[in-house]
Structure formats: C-alpha cells, structure tokens
Amino acid sequence: MTTQRTLFGTFLGGMLGLLSGIVIDGGLWLWAFASVLSGDGAVTIGPIVHASTIEGSATAVGGPGLLIVPVGLALVGAVLAWLISRRSAAGTRAAVPRG
C-alpha cells in the first residue's frame, strides 16, 4: 500500500508543480503584454516571451523556453513529493505499536 501512496504522491506533486509553472508562465505573458500596452517598449523575458509593438498593435512571440518553467517545476514537485512520501513511509514502518 505504501508503494501506491508514494507513486500517487509523486504524481500529485508533479501535477501541482506543472500547474504552478503554467500559472507563472501566464503571469509572465500578462506582464509582458501590459508593459507593451502601457508604452514601455519591447519586453523580452529570456527565451520565454518577446512582446513588442508593431505599427500600433501589440504582438507577443513565445520562445522555446516556454516549457522550461512548467516542466522544471513539475520535476521539482515530483521529486519533493517523492522524498516526503518516502520519509513518511519510513517513519510509519519504524513505529512499533505498543501493547
């Protein structure tokens, strides 16, 4: 049963990391668009997004780094959840019932 719990926890940790990475990417895109629309000029956020104005209209181009944040956080979340679940599983096995 603990193996299934460990795998399920690892999966959930990865999904939570992926979701938070997607939210961060969305926030970066919104910030880039808002900066361009407010007249700050072109905005480049690493390999993730490049936003600029061309003839009065705002454009944004996603780069190959668009997947870096979600996939990286998914891996970090999965590893952390795996470590936490392994630690808690080891703690429950070491406990000896009194009686």
PDB file of N, CA and C in Angstrom:
ATOM      1  N   MET A   1       0.817  -1.202   0.000  1.00  0.00           N
ATOM      2  CA  MET A   1       0.000   0.000   0.000  1.00  0.00           C
ATOM      3  C   MET A   1       0.857   1.260   0.000  1.00  0.00           C
ATOM      4  N   THR A   2       2.015   1.226   0.662  1.00  0.00           N
ATOM      5  CA  THR A   2       2.841   2.430   0.710  1.00  0.00           C
ATOM      6  C   THR A   2       3.448   2.745  -0.653  1.00  0.00           C
ATOM      7  N   THR A   3       3.691   1.724  -1.484  1.00  0.00           N
ATOM      8  CA  THR A   3       4.226   1.984  -2.816  1.00  0.00           C
ATOM      9  C   THR A   3       3.208   2.754  -3.649  1.00  0.00           C
ATOM     10  N   GLN A   4       1.942   2.365  -3.564  1.00  0.00           N
ATOM     11  CA  GLN A   4       0.910   3.086  -4.302  1.00  0.00           C
ATOM     12  C   GLN A   4       0.775   4.518  -3.794  1.00  0.00           C
ATOM     13  N   ARG A   5       0.873   4.681  -2.489  1.00  0.00           N
ATOM     14  CA  ARG A   5       0.779   6.019  -1.910  1.00  0.00           C
ATOM     15  C   ARG A   5       1.959   6.878  -2.353  1.00  0.00           C
ATOM     16  N   THR A   6       3.140   6.284  -2.404  1.00  0.00           N
ATOM     17  CA  THR A   6       4.327   7.010  -2.852  1.00  0.00           C
ATOM     18  C   THR A   6       4.188   7.435  -4.310  1.00  0.00           C
ATOM     19  N   LEU A   7       3.746   6.522  -5.166  1.00  0.00           N
ATOM     20  CA  LEU A   7       3.565   6.851  -6.581  1.00  0.00           C
ATOM     21  C   LEU A   7       2.485   7.909  -6.779  1.00  0.00           C
ATOM     22  N   PHE A   8       1.395   7.780  -6.036  1.00  0.00           N
ATOM     23  CA  PHE A   8       0.306   8.748  -6.153  1.00  0.00           C
ATOM     24  C   PHE A   8       0.762  10.122  -5.671  1.00  0.00           C
ATOM     25  N   GLY A   9       1.514  10.164  -4.577  1.00  0.00           N
ATOM     26  CA  GLY A   9       2.034  11.432  -4.068  1.00  0.00           C
ATOM     27  C   GLY A   9       3.004  12.073  -5.035  1.00  0.00           C
ATOM     28  N   THR A  10       3.846  11.252  -5.669  1.00  0.00           N
ATOM     29  CA  THR A  10       4.782  11.758  -6.655  1.00  0.00           C
ATOM     30  C   THR A  10       4.045  12.339  -7.857  1.00  0.00           C
ATOM     31  N   PHE A  11       3.014  11.636  -8.300  1.00  0.00           N
ATOM     32  CA  PHE A  11       2.202  12.123  -9.416  1.00  0.00           C
ATOM     33  C   PHE A  11       1.530  13.446  -9.066  1.00  0.00           C
ATOM     34  N   LEU A  12       0.935  13.525  -7.885  1.00  0.00           N
ATOM     35  CA  LEU A  12       0.266  14.765  -7.474  1.00  0.00           C
ATOM     36  C   LEU A  12       1.255  15.918  -7.325  1.00  0.00           C
ATOM     37  N   GLY A  13       2.435  15.623  -6.804  1.00  0.00           N
ATOM     38  CA  GLY A  13       3.460  16.664  -6.690  1.00  0.00           C
ATOM     39  C   GLY A  13       3.883  17.186  -8.046  1.00  0.00           C
ATOM     40  N   GLY A  14       4.035  16.283  -9.004  1.00  0.00           N
ATOM     41  CA  GLY A  14       4.379  16.694 -10.363  1.00  0.00           C
ATOM     42  C   GLY A  14       3.287  17.528 -10.996  1.00  0.00           C
ATOM     43  N   MET A  15       2.036  17.130 -10.797  1.00  0.00           N
ATOM     44  CA  MET A  15       0.918  17.889 -11.365  1.00  0.00           C
ATOM     45  C   MET A  15       0.805  19.270 -10.722  1.00  0.00           C
ATOM     46  N   LEU A  16       1.031  19.338  -9.418  1.00  0.00           N
ATOM     47  CA  LEU A  16       0.983  20.629  -8.734  1.00  0.00           C
ATOM     48  C   LEU A  16       2.103  21.539  -9.233  1.00  0.00           C
ATOM     49  N   GLY A  17       3.292  20.976  -9.432  1.00  0.00           N
ATOM     50  CA  GLY A  17       4.395  21.756  -9.979  1.00  0.00           C
ATOM     51  C   GLY A  17       4.104  22.231 -11.391  1.00  0.00           C
ATOM     52  N   LEU A  18       3.520  21.353 -12.211  1.00  0.00           N
ATOM     53  CA  LEU A  18       3.169  21.720 -13.580  1.00  0.00           C
ATOM     54  C   LEU A  18       2.136  22.840 -13.596  1.00  0.00           C
ATOM     55  N   LEU A  19       1.127  22.734 -12.757  1.00  0.00           N
ATOM     56  CA  LEU A  19       0.089  23.760 -12.687  1.00  0.00           C
ATOM     57  C   LEU A  19       0.668  25.097 -12.238  1.00  0.00           C
ATOM     58  N   SER A  20       1.531  25.083 -11.236  1.00  0.00           N
ATOM     59  CA  SER A  20       2.120  26.345 -10.786  1.00  0.00           C
ATOM     60  C   SER A  20       3.044  26.928 -11.857  1.00  0.00           C
ATOM     61  N   GLY A  21       3.727  26.091 -12.618  1.00  0.00           N
ATOM     62  CA  GLY A  21       4.553  26.585 -13.717  1.00  0.00           C
ATOM     63  C   GLY A  21       3.728  27.226 -14.807  1.00  0.00           C
ATOM     64  N   ILE A  22       2.575  26.649 -15.102  1.00  0.00           N
ATOM     65  CA  ILE A  22       1.680  27.228 -16.110  1.00  0.00           C
ATOM     66  C   ILE A  22       1.150  28.574 -15.636  1.00  0.00           C
ATOM     67  N   VAL A  23       0.814  28.670 -14.358  1.00  0.00           N
ATOM     68  CA  VAL A  23       0.326  29.943 -13.807  1.00  0.00           C
ATOM     69  C   VAL A  23       1.425  31.006 -13.880  1.00  0.00           C
ATOM     70  N   ILE A  24       2.664  30.628 -13.574  1.00  0.00           N
ATOM     71  CA  ILE A  24       3.777  31.577 -13.646  1.00  0.00           C
ATOM     72  C   ILE A  24       4.000  32.027 -15.086  1.00  0.00           C
ATOM     73  N   ASP A  25       3.961  31.086 -16.035  1.00  0.00           N
ATOM     74  CA  ASP A  25       4.095  31.455 -17.450  1.00  0.00           C
ATOM     75  C   ASP A  25       2.993  32.414 -17.886  1.00  0.00           C
ATOM     76  N   GLY A  26       1.772  32.133 -17.467  1.00  0.00           N
ATOM     77  CA  GLY A  26       0.652  33.027 -17.805  1.00  0.00           C
ATOM     78  C   GLY A  26       0.850  34.413 -17.228  1.00  0.00           C
ATOM     79  N   GLY A  27       1.349  34.475 -16.003  1.00  0.00           N
ATOM     80  CA  GLY A  27       1.630  35.773 -15.382  1.00  0.00           C
ATOM     81  C   GLY A  27       2.717  36.540 -16.114  1.00  0.00           C
ATOM     82  N   LEU A  28       3.747  35.825 -16.576  1.00  0.00           N
ATOM     83  CA  LEU A  28       4.803  36.483 -17.349  1.00  0.00           C
ATOM     84  C   LEU A  28       4.266  37.039 -18.659  1.00  0.00           C
ATOM     85  N   TRP A  29       3.407  36.259 -19.326  1.00  0.00           N
ATOM     86  CA  TRP A  29       2.797  36.729 -20.577  1.00  0.00           C
ATOM     87  C   TRP A  29       1.927  37.959 -20.331  1.00  0.00           C
ATOM     88  N   LEU A  30       1.116  37.923 -19.287  1.00  0.00           N
ATOM     89  CA  LEU A  30       0.264  39.082 -18.980  1.00  0.00           C
ATOM     90  C   LEU A  30       1.093  40.307 -18.652  1.00  0.00           C
ATOM     91  N   TRP A  31       2.160  40.121 -17.884  1.00  0.00           N
ATOM     92  CA  TRP A  31       3.018  41.236 -17.531  1.00  0.00           C
ATOM     93  C   TRP A  31       3.685  41.820 -18.778  1.00  0.00           C
ATOM     94  N   ALA A  32       4.138  40.960 -19.685  1.00  0.00           N
ATOM     95  CA  ALA A  32       4.775  41.436 -20.921  1.00  0.00           C
ATOM     96  C   ALA A  32       3.779  42.229 -21.766  1.00  0.00           C
ATOM     97  N   PHE A  33       2.564  41.715 -21.916  1.00  0.00           N
ATOM     98  CA  PHE A  33       1.544  42.447 -22.682  1.00  0.00           C
ATOM     99  C   PHE A  33       1.211  43.774 -22.019  1.00  0.00           C
ATOM    100  N   ALA A  34       1.059  43.776 -20.709  1.00  0.00           N
ATOM    101  CA  ALA A  34       0.717  45.014 -20.008  1.00  0.00           C
ATOM    102  C   ALA A  34       1.830  46.044 -20.151  1.00  0.00           C
ATOM    103  N   SER A  35       3.065  45.603 -20.099  1.00  0.00           N
ATOM    104  CA  SER A  35       4.185  46.534 -20.260  1.00  0.00           C
ATOM    105  C   SER A  35       4.210  47.135 -21.651  1.00  0.00           C
ATOM    106  N   VAL A  36       3.963  46.317 -22.661  1.00  0.00           N
ATOM    107  CA  VAL A  36       3.968  46.814 -24.034  1.00  0.00           C
ATOM    108  C   VAL A  36       2.789  47.759 -24.260  1.00  0.00           C
ATOM    109  N   LEU A  37       1.618  47.388 -23.765  1.00  0.00           N
ATOM    110  CA  LEU A  37       0.435  48.226 -23.973  1.00  0.00           C
ATOM    111  C   LEU A  37       0.514  49.548 -23.218  1.00  0.00           C
ATOM    112  N   SER A  38       1.269  49.596 -22.115  1.00  0.00           N
ATOM    113  CA  SER A  38       1.395  50.850 -21.374  1.00  0.00           C
ATOM    114  C   SER A  38       2.450  51.770 -21.973  1.00  0.00           C
ATOM    115  N   GLY A  39       3.126  51.306 -23.014  1.00  0.00           N
ATOM    116  CA  GLY A  39       4.078  52.160 -23.714  1.00  0.00           C
ATOM    117  C   GLY A  39       5.508  52.036 -23.249  1.00  0.00           C
ATOM    118  N   ASP A  40       5.837  50.996 -22.523  1.00  0.00           N
ATOM    119  CA  ASP A  40       7.211  50.815 -22.037  1.00  0.00           C
ATOM    120  C   ASP A  40       8.176  50.313 -23.104  1.00  0.00           C
ATOM    121  N   GLY A  41       7.678  49.953 -24.263  1.00  0.00           N
ATOM    122  CA  GLY A  41       8.538  49.443 -25.319  1.00  0.00           C
ATOM    123  C   GLY A  41       8.563  47.925 -25.324  1.00  0.00           C
ATOM    124  N   ALA A  42       9.478  47.380 -26.089  1.00  0.00           N
ATOM    125  CA  ALA A  42       9.567  45.927 -26.228  1.00  0.00           C
ATOM    126  C   ALA A  42      10.046  45.285 -24.926  1.00  0.00           C
ATOM    127  N   VAL A  43       9.503  44.110 -24.635  1.00  0.00           N
ATOM    128  CA  VAL A  43       9.861  43.367 -23.434  1.00  0.00           C
ATOM    129  C   VAL A  43      10.293  41.966 -23.848  1.00  0.00           C
ATOM    130  N   THR A  44      11.449  41.554 -23.368  1.00  0.00           N
ATOM    131  CA  THR A  44      11.926  40.196 -23.601  1.00  0.00           C
ATOM    132  C   THR A  44      12.206  39.550 -22.258  1.00  0.00           C
ATOM    133  N   ILE A  45      11.588  38.412 -22.024  1.00  0.00           N
ATOM    134  CA  ILE A  45      11.811  37.660 -20.795  1.00  0.00           C
ATOM    135  C   ILE A  45      12.521  36.367 -21.186  1.00  0.00           C
ATOM    136  N   GLY A  46      13.828  36.447 -21.209  1.00  0.00           N
ATOM    137  CA  GLY A  46      14.638  35.283 -21.551  1.00  0.00           C
ATOM    138  C   GLY A  46      14.149  34.608 -22.822  1.00  0.00           C
ATOM    139  N   PRO A  47      14.173  33.284 -22.830  1.00  0.00           N
ATOM    140  CA  PRO A  47      13.677  32.562 -24.008  1.00  0.00           C
ATOM    141  C   PRO A  47      12.177  32.274 -23.930  1.00  0.00           C
ATOM    142  N   ILE A  48      11.471  32.894 -22.970  1.00  0.00           N
ATOM    143  CA  ILE A  48      10.064  32.555 -22.748  1.00  0.00           C
ATOM    144  C   ILE A  48       9.139  33.358 -23.655  1.00  0.00           C
ATOM    145  N   VAL A  49       9.249  34.689 -23.620  1.00  0.00           N
ATOM    146  CA  VAL A  49       8.337  35.524 -24.407  1.00  0.00           C
ATOM    147  C   VAL A  49       9.048  36.806 -24.832  1.00  0.00           C
ATOM    148  N   HIS A  50       8.710  37.269 -26.026  1.00  0.00           N
ATOM    149  CA  HIS A  50       9.169  38.570 -26.518  1.00  0.00           C
ATOM    150  C   HIS A  50       7.927  39.317 -26.981  1.00  0.00           C
ATOM    151  N   ALA A  51       7.632  40.417 -26.318  1.00  0.00           N
ATOM    152  CA  ALA A  51       6.465  41.224 -26.668  1.00  0.00           C
ATOM    153  C   ALA A  51       6.939  42.580 -27.174  1.00  0.00           C
ATOM    154  N   SER A  52       6.281  43.065 -28.224  1.00  0.00           N
ATOM    155  CA  SER A  52       6.650  44.361 -28.791  1.00  0.00           C
ATOM    156  C   SER A  52       5.434  44.960 -29.488  1.00  0.00           C
ATOM    157  N   THR A  53       5.600  46.206 -29.886  1.00  0.00           N
ATOM    158  CA  THR A  53       4.548  46.861 -30.670  1.00  0.00           C
ATOM    159  C   THR A  53       5.030  46.994 -32.100  1.00  0.00           C
ATOM    160  N   ILE A  54       4.159  46.624 -33.012  1.00  0.00           N
ATOM    161  CA  ILE A  54       4.455  46.763 -34.437  1.00  0.00           C
ATOM    162  C   ILE A  54       3.286  47.510 -35.062  1.00  0.00           C
ATOM    163  N   GLU A  55       3.557  48.723 -35.524  1.00  0.00           N
ATOM    164  CA  GLU A  55       2.554  49.574 -36.164  1.00  0.00           C
ATOM    165  C   GLU A  55       1.302  49.748 -35.306  1.00  0.00           C
ATOM    166  N   GLY A  56       1.492  49.968 -34.027  1.00  0.00           N
ATOM    167  CA  GLY A  56       0.373  50.249 -33.143  1.00  0.00           C
ATOM    168  C   GLY A  56      -0.320  49.047 -32.538  1.00  0.00           C
ATOM    169  N   SER A  57       0.071  47.849 -32.888  1.00  0.00           N
ATOM    170  CA  SER A  57      -0.554  46.670 -32.288  1.00  0.00           C
ATOM    171  C   SER A  57       0.487  45.885 -31.491  1.00  0.00           C
ATOM    172  N   ALA A  58       0.052  45.326 -30.395  1.00  0.00           N
ATOM    173  CA  ALA A  58       0.949  44.556 -29.532  1.00  0.00           C
ATOM    174  C   ALA A  58       1.024  43.118 -30.025  1.00  0.00           C
ATOM    175  N   THR A  59       2.240  42.617 -30.116  1.00  0.00           N
ATOM    176  CA  THR A  59       2.441  41.223 -30.512  1.00  0.00           C
ATOM    177  C   THR A  59       3.354  40.550 -29.501  1.00  0.00           C
ATOM    178  N   ALA A  60       3.143  39.277 -29.329  1.00  0.00           N
ATOM    179  CA  ALA A  60       3.999  38.502 -28.435  1.00  0.00           C
ATOM    180  C   ALA A  60       4.364  37.200 -29.127  1.00  0.00           C
ATOM    181  N   VAL A  61       5.607  36.810 -28.978  1.00  0.00           N
ATOM    182  CA  VAL A  61       6.103  35.582 -29.585  1.00  0.00           C
ATOM    183  C   VAL A  61       6.683  34.721 -28.480  1.00  0.00           C
ATOM    184  N   GLY A  62       6.204  33.499 -28.398  1.00  0.00           N
ATOM    185  CA  GLY A  62       6.720  32.564 -27.417  1.00  0.00           C
ATOM    186  C   GLY A  62       7.957  31.875 -27.946  1.00  0.00           C
ATOM    187  N   GLY A  63       8.908  31.678 -27.069  1.00  0.00           N
ATOM    188  CA  GLY A  63      10.144  31.019 -27.457  1.00  0.00           C
ATOM    189  C   GLY A  63      10.179  29.583 -26.961  1.00  0.00           C
ATOM    190  N   PRO A  64      11.295  28.909 -27.183  1.00  0.00           N
ATOM    191  CA  PRO A  64      11.419  27.522 -26.737  1.00  0.00           C
ATOM    192  C   PRO A  64      11.450  27.390 -25.216  1.00  0.00           C
ATOM    193  N   GLY A  65      11.732  28.498 -24.545  1.00  0.00           N
ATOM    194  CA  GLY A  65      11.777  28.465 -23.090  1.00  0.00           C
ATOM    195  C   GLY A  65      10.416  28.458 -22.434  1.00  0.00           C
ATOM    196  N   LEU A  66       9.370  28.476 -23.237  1.00  0.00           N
ATOM    197  CA  LEU A  66       8.010  28.487 -22.703  1.00  0.00           C
ATOM    198  C   LEU A  66       7.727  27.260 -21.850  1.00  0.00           C
ATOM    199  N   LEU A  67       8.397  26.153 -22.145  1.00  0.00           N
ATOM    200  CA  LEU A  67       8.189  24.917 -21.401  1.00  0.00           C
ATOM    201  C   LEU A  67       9.144  24.748 -20.226  1.00  0.00           C
ATOM    202  N   ILE A  68      10.145  25.617 -20.121  1.00  0.00           N
ATOM    203  CA  ILE A  68      11.156  25.449 -19.078  1.00  0.00           C
ATOM    204  C   ILE A  68      10.539  25.545 -17.682  1.00  0.00           C
ATOM    205  N   VAL A  69       9.755  26.571 -17.432  1.00  0.00           N
ATOM    206  CA  VAL A  69       9.200  26.791 -16.094  1.00  0.00           C
ATOM    207  C   VAL A  69       8.217  25.680 -15.701  1.00  0.00           C
ATOM    208  N   PRO A  70       7.211  25.339 -16.522  1.00  0.00           N
ATOM    209  CA  PRO A  70       6.288  24.281 -16.105  1.00  0.00           C
ATOM    210  C   PRO A  70       6.950  22.910 -15.950  1.00  0.00           C
ATOM    211  N   VAL A  71       7.785  22.528 -16.895  1.00  0.00           N
ATOM    212  CA  VAL A  71       8.419  21.208 -16.814  1.00  0.00           C
ATOM    213  C   VAL A  71       9.422  21.170 -15.658  1.00  0.00           C
ATOM    214  N   GLY A  72      10.164  22.247 -15.478  1.00  0.00           N
ATOM    215  CA  GLY A  72      11.108  22.300 -14.361  1.00  0.00           C
ATOM    216  C   GLY A  72      10.410  22.210 -13.017  1.00  0.00           C
ATOM    217  N   LEU A  73       9.312  22.947 -12.857  1.00  0.00           N
ATOM    218  CA  LEU A  73       8.580  22.884 -11.585  1.00  0.00           C
ATOM    219  C   LEU A  73       7.865  21.544 -11.412  1.00  0.00           C
ATOM    220  N   ALA A  74       7.450  20.910 -12.508  1.00  0.00           N
ATOM    221  CA  ALA A  74       6.852  19.581 -12.405  1.00  0.00           C
ATOM    222  C   ALA A  74       7.874  18.584 -11.887  1.00  0.00           C
ATOM    223  N   LEU A  75       9.095  18.656 -12.390  1.00  0.00           N
ATOM    224  CA  LEU A  75      10.150  17.761 -11.914  1.00  0.00           C
ATOM    225  C   LEU A  75      10.491  18.022 -10.455  1.00  0.00           C
ATOM    226  N   VAL A  76      10.606  19.291 -10.097  1.00  0.00           N
ATOM    227  CA  VAL A  76      10.906  19.636  -8.704  1.00  0.00           C
ATOM    228  C   VAL A  76       9.783  19.167  -7.783  1.00  0.00           C
ATOM    229  N   GLY A  77       8.528  19.391  -8.183  1.00  0.00           N
ATOM    230  CA  GLY A  77       7.389  18.961  -7.369  1.00  0.00           C
ATOM    231  C   GLY A  77       7.332  17.455  -7.213  1.00  0.00           C
ATOM    232  N   ALA A  78       7.608  16.721  -8.288  1.00  0.00           N
ATOM    233  CA  ALA A  78       7.587  15.258  -8.215  1.00  0.00           C
ATOM    234  C   ALA A  78       8.688  14.741  -7.301  1.00  0.00           C
ATOM    235  N   VAL A  79       9.883  15.305  -7.424  1.00  0.00           N
ATOM    236  CA  VAL A  79      10.995  14.846  -6.578  1.00  0.00           C
ATOM    237  C   VAL A  79      10.732  15.176  -5.115  1.00  0.00           C
ATOM    238  N   LEU A  80      10.261  16.377  -4.841  1.00  0.00           N
ATOM    239  CA  LEU A  80       9.965  16.739  -3.448  1.00  0.00           C
ATOM    240  C   LEU A  80       8.857  15.870  -2.860  1.00  0.00           C
ATOM    241  N   ALA A  81       7.810  15.625  -3.629  1.00  0.00           N
ATOM    242  CA  ALA A  81       6.723  14.776  -3.129  1.00  0.00           C
ATOM    243  C   ALA A  81       7.215  13.353  -2.911  1.00  0.00           C
ATOM    244  N   TRP A  82       8.087  12.857  -3.785  1.00  0.00           N
ATOM    245  CA  TRP A  82       8.640  11.511  -3.623  1.00  0.00           C
ATOM    246  C   TRP A  82       9.486  11.438  -2.352  1.00  0.00           C
ATOM    247  N   LEU A  83      10.328  12.453  -2.120  1.00  0.00           N
ATOM    248  CA  LEU A  83      11.163  12.457  -0.917  1.00  0.00           C
ATOM    249  C   LEU A  83      10.319  12.532   0.346  1.00  0.00           C
ATOM    250  N   ILE A  84       9.292  13.357   0.328  1.00  0.00           N
ATOM    251  CA  ILE A  84       8.433  13.491   1.506  1.00  0.00           C
ATOM    252  C   ILE A  84       7.657  12.205   1.758  1.00  0.00           C
ATOM    253  N   SER A  85       7.130  11.603   0.696  1.00  0.00           N
ATOM    254  CA  SER A  85       6.355  10.376   0.899  1.00  0.00           C
ATOM    255  C   SER A  85       7.248   9.217   1.328  1.00  0.00           C
ATOM    256  N   ARG A  86       8.470   9.148   0.826  1.00  0.00           N
ATOM    257  CA  ARG A  86       9.403   8.102   1.260  1.00  0.00           C
ATOM    258  C   ARG A  86       9.779   8.296   2.724  1.00  0.00           C
ATOM    259  N   ARG A  87       9.950   9.546   3.129  1.00  0.00           N
ATOM    260  CA  ARG A  87      10.308   9.821   4.514  1.00  0.00           C
ATOM    261  C   ARG A  87       9.152   9.457   5.454  1.00  0.00           C
ATOM    262  N   SER A  88       7.938   9.810   5.061  1.00  0.00           N
ATOM    263  CA  SER A  88       6.797   9.487   5.918  1.00  0.00           C
ATOM    264  C   SER A  88       6.525   7.989   5.922  1.00  0.00           C
ATOM    265  N   ALA A  89       6.784   7.308   4.806  1.00  0.00           N
ATOM    266  CA  ALA A  89       6.599   5.853   4.765  1.00  0.00           C
ATOM    267  C   ALA A  89       7.620   5.164   5.657  1.00  0.00           C
ATOM    268  N   ALA A  90       8.847   5.666   5.679  1.00  0.00           N
ATOM    269  CA  ALA A  90       9.875   5.088   6.543  1.00  0.00           C
ATOM    270  C   ALA A  90       9.533   5.334   8.007  1.00  0.00           C
ATOM    271  N   GLY A  91       8.936   6.468   8.297  1.00  0.00           N
ATOM    272  CA  GLY A  91       8.552   6.768   9.676  1.00  0.00           C
ATOM    273  C   GLY A  91       7.422   5.884  10.165  1.00  0.00           C
ATOM    274  N   THR A  92       6.479   5.515   9.292  1.00  0.00           N
ATOM    275  CA  THR A  92       5.373   4.663   9.725  1.00  0.00           C
ATOM    276  C   THR A  92       5.825   3.218   9.882  1.00  0.00           C
ATOM    277  N   ARG A  93       6.813   2.788   9.106  1.00  0.00           N
ATOM    278  CA  ARG A  93       7.311   1.420   9.263  1.00  0.00           C
ATOM    279  C   ARG A  93       8.145   1.262  10.508  1.00  0.00           C
ATOM    280  N   ALA A  94       8.830   2.353  10.913  1.00  0.00           N
ATOM    281  CA  ALA A  94       9.695   2.272  12.083  1.00  0.00           C
ATOM    282  C   ALA A  94       8.888   2.300  13.382  1.00  0.00           C
ATOM    283  N   ALA A  95       7.674   2.765  13.318  1.00  0.00           N
ATOM    284  CA  ALA A  95       6.850   2.839  14.531  1.00  0.00           C
ATOM    285  C   ALA A  95       6.384   1.449  14.916  1.00  0.00           C
ATOM    286  N   VAL A  96       6.623   1.123  16.170  1.00  0.00           N
ATOM    287  CA  VAL A  96       6.202  -0.180  16.688  1.00  0.00           C
ATOM    288  C   VAL A  96       5.005   0.042  17.596  1.00  0.00           C
ATOM    289  N   PRO A  97       3.898  -0.664  17.360  1.00  0.00           N
ATOM    290  CA  PRO A  97       2.737  -0.466  18.219  1.00  0.00           C
ATOM    291  C   PRO A  97       2.998  -0.956  19.640  1.00  0.00           C
ATOM    292  N   ARG A  98       2.522  -0.198  20.574  1.00  0.00           N
ATOM    293  CA  ARG A  98       2.694  -0.566  21.991  1.00  0.00           C
ATOM    294  C   ARG A  98       1.491  -1.406  22.406  1.00  0.00           C
ATOM    295  N   GLY A  99       1.745  -2.289  23.259  1.00  0.00           N
ATOM    296  CA  GLY A  99       0.575  -3.039  23.697  1.00  0.00           C
ATOM    297  C   GLY A  99       0.876  -4.247  24.357  1.00  0.00           C
TER     298      GLY A  99
END
